Amino acid sequence: MTLTDDQRRILQDIDSTTPISEAETKWAVDAGLAVLAEDGDIDLSDAGREALDTR
């Protein structure tokens, strides 16, 4: 998966626990690159970690 600079920043922000917007959260979860816990915590999925590691 090829990510734009903004998409890569969103994944990096998730990985470093930097707050992101609801729209960014929705994009990452809908893309299958992040998972959202019931308490609102967000974390990268395996696919998200792989996409972030790929350049």
C-alpha atoms as a PDB file:
ATOM      1  CA  MET A   1       0.000   0.000   0.000  1.00  0.00           C
ATOM      2  CA  THR A   2       1.363   3.396  -0.967  1.00  0.00           C
ATOM      3  CA  LEU A   3       0.693   6.061   1.622  1.00  0.00           C
ATOM      4  CA  THR A   4       0.608   9.798   1.137  1.00  0.00           C
ATOM      5  CA  ASP A   5       2.752  11.918   3.430  1.00  0.00           C
ATOM      6  CA  ASP A   6      -0.356  12.867   5.407  1.00  0.00           C
ATOM      7  CA  GLN A   7      -1.463   9.241   5.785  1.00  0.00           C
ATOM      8  CA  ARG A   8       2.035   8.262   6.932  1.00  0.00           C
ATOM      9  CA  ARG A   9       1.936  11.119   9.480  1.00  0.00           C
ATOM     10  CA  ILE A  10      -1.405   9.834  10.806  1.00  0.00           C
ATOM     11  CA  LEU A  11       0.037   6.356  11.325  1.00  0.00           C
ATOM     12  CA  GLN A  12       3.153   7.797  12.962  1.00  0.00           C
ATOM     13  CA  ASP A  13       0.961   9.892  15.257  1.00  0.00           C
ATOM     14  CA  ILE A  14      -1.038   6.809  16.240  1.00  0.00           C
ATOM     15  CA  ASP A  15       2.164   4.885  16.893  1.00  0.00           C
ATOM     16  CA  SER A  16       3.575   7.665  19.073  1.00  0.00           C
ATOM     17  CA  THR A  17       0.208   8.299  20.820  1.00  0.00           C
ATOM     18  CA  THR A  18      -0.037  11.844  19.464  1.00  0.00           C
ATOM     19  CA  PRO A  19      -3.701  12.940  19.403  1.00  0.00           C
ATOM     20  CA  ILE A  20      -5.368  12.897  15.969  1.00  0.00           C
ATOM     21  CA  SER A  21      -8.730  14.132  14.719  1.00  0.00           C
ATOM     22  CA  GLU A  22     -11.882  12.050  14.469  1.00  0.00           C
ATOM     23  CA  ALA A  23     -11.637  12.151  10.666  1.00  0.00           C
ATOM     24  CA  GLU A  24      -8.069  10.837  10.798  1.00  0.00           C
ATOM     25  CA  THR A  25      -9.108   8.120  13.236  1.00  0.00           C
ATOM     26  CA  LYS A  26     -11.984   7.129  10.966  1.00  0.00           C
ATOM     27  CA  TRP A  27      -9.698   6.939   7.927  1.00  0.00           C
ATOM     28  CA  ALA A  28      -7.136   4.743   9.706  1.00  0.00           C
ATOM     29  CA  VAL A  29      -9.753   2.371  11.152  1.00  0.00           C
ATOM     30  CA  ASP A  30     -11.781   2.181   7.917  1.00  0.00           C
ATOM     31  CA  ALA A  31      -8.568   1.450   5.986  1.00  0.00           C
ATOM     32  CA  GLY A  32      -7.820  -1.430   8.370  1.00  0.00           C
ATOM     33  CA  LEU A  33      -4.587   0.217   9.487  1.00  0.00           C
ATOM     34  CA  ALA A  34      -5.692   0.884  13.062  1.00  0.00           C
ATOM     35  CA  VAL A  35      -8.008  -0.570  15.656  1.00  0.00           C
ATOM     36  CA  LEU A  36     -10.153   1.395  18.074  1.00  0.00           C
ATOM     37  CA  ALA A  37     -10.809   0.059  21.571  1.00  0.00           C
ATOM     38  CA  GLU A  38     -14.110   0.538  23.393  1.00  0.00           C
ATOM     39  CA  ASP A  39     -12.484   3.119  25.648  1.00  0.00           C
ATOM     40  CA  GLY A  40     -11.426   5.198  22.633  1.00  0.00           C
ATOM     41  CA  ASP A  41      -7.796   4.146  22.561  1.00  0.00           C
ATOM     42  CA  ILE A  42      -6.393   3.658  19.078  1.00  0.00           C
ATOM     43  CA  ASP A  43      -3.489   1.458  18.037  1.00  0.00           C
ATOM     44  CA  LEU A  44      -1.990   0.367  14.751  1.00  0.00           C
ATOM     45  CA  SER A  45      -3.147  -2.955  13.387  1.00  0.00           C
ATOM     46  CA  ASP A  46      -0.595  -5.424  12.021  1.00  0.00           C
ATOM     47  CA  ALA A  47      -1.339  -4.014   8.547  1.00  0.00           C
ATOM     48  CA  GLY A  48      -0.784  -0.490   9.864  1.00  0.00           C
ATOM     49  CA  ARG A  49       2.563  -1.413  11.379  1.00  0.00           C
ATOM     50  CA  GLU A  50       3.594  -3.084   8.139  1.00  0.00           C
ATOM     51  CA  ALA A  51       2.485  -0.066   6.063  1.00  0.00           C
ATOM     52  CA  LEU A  52       4.403   2.293   8.345  1.00  0.00           C
ATOM     53  CA  ASP A  53       7.562   0.158   8.104  1.00  0.00           C
ATOM     54  CA  THR A  54       7.361   0.067   4.290  1.00  0.00           C
ATOM     55  CA  ARG A  55       8.846   2.968   2.361  1.00  0.00           C
END
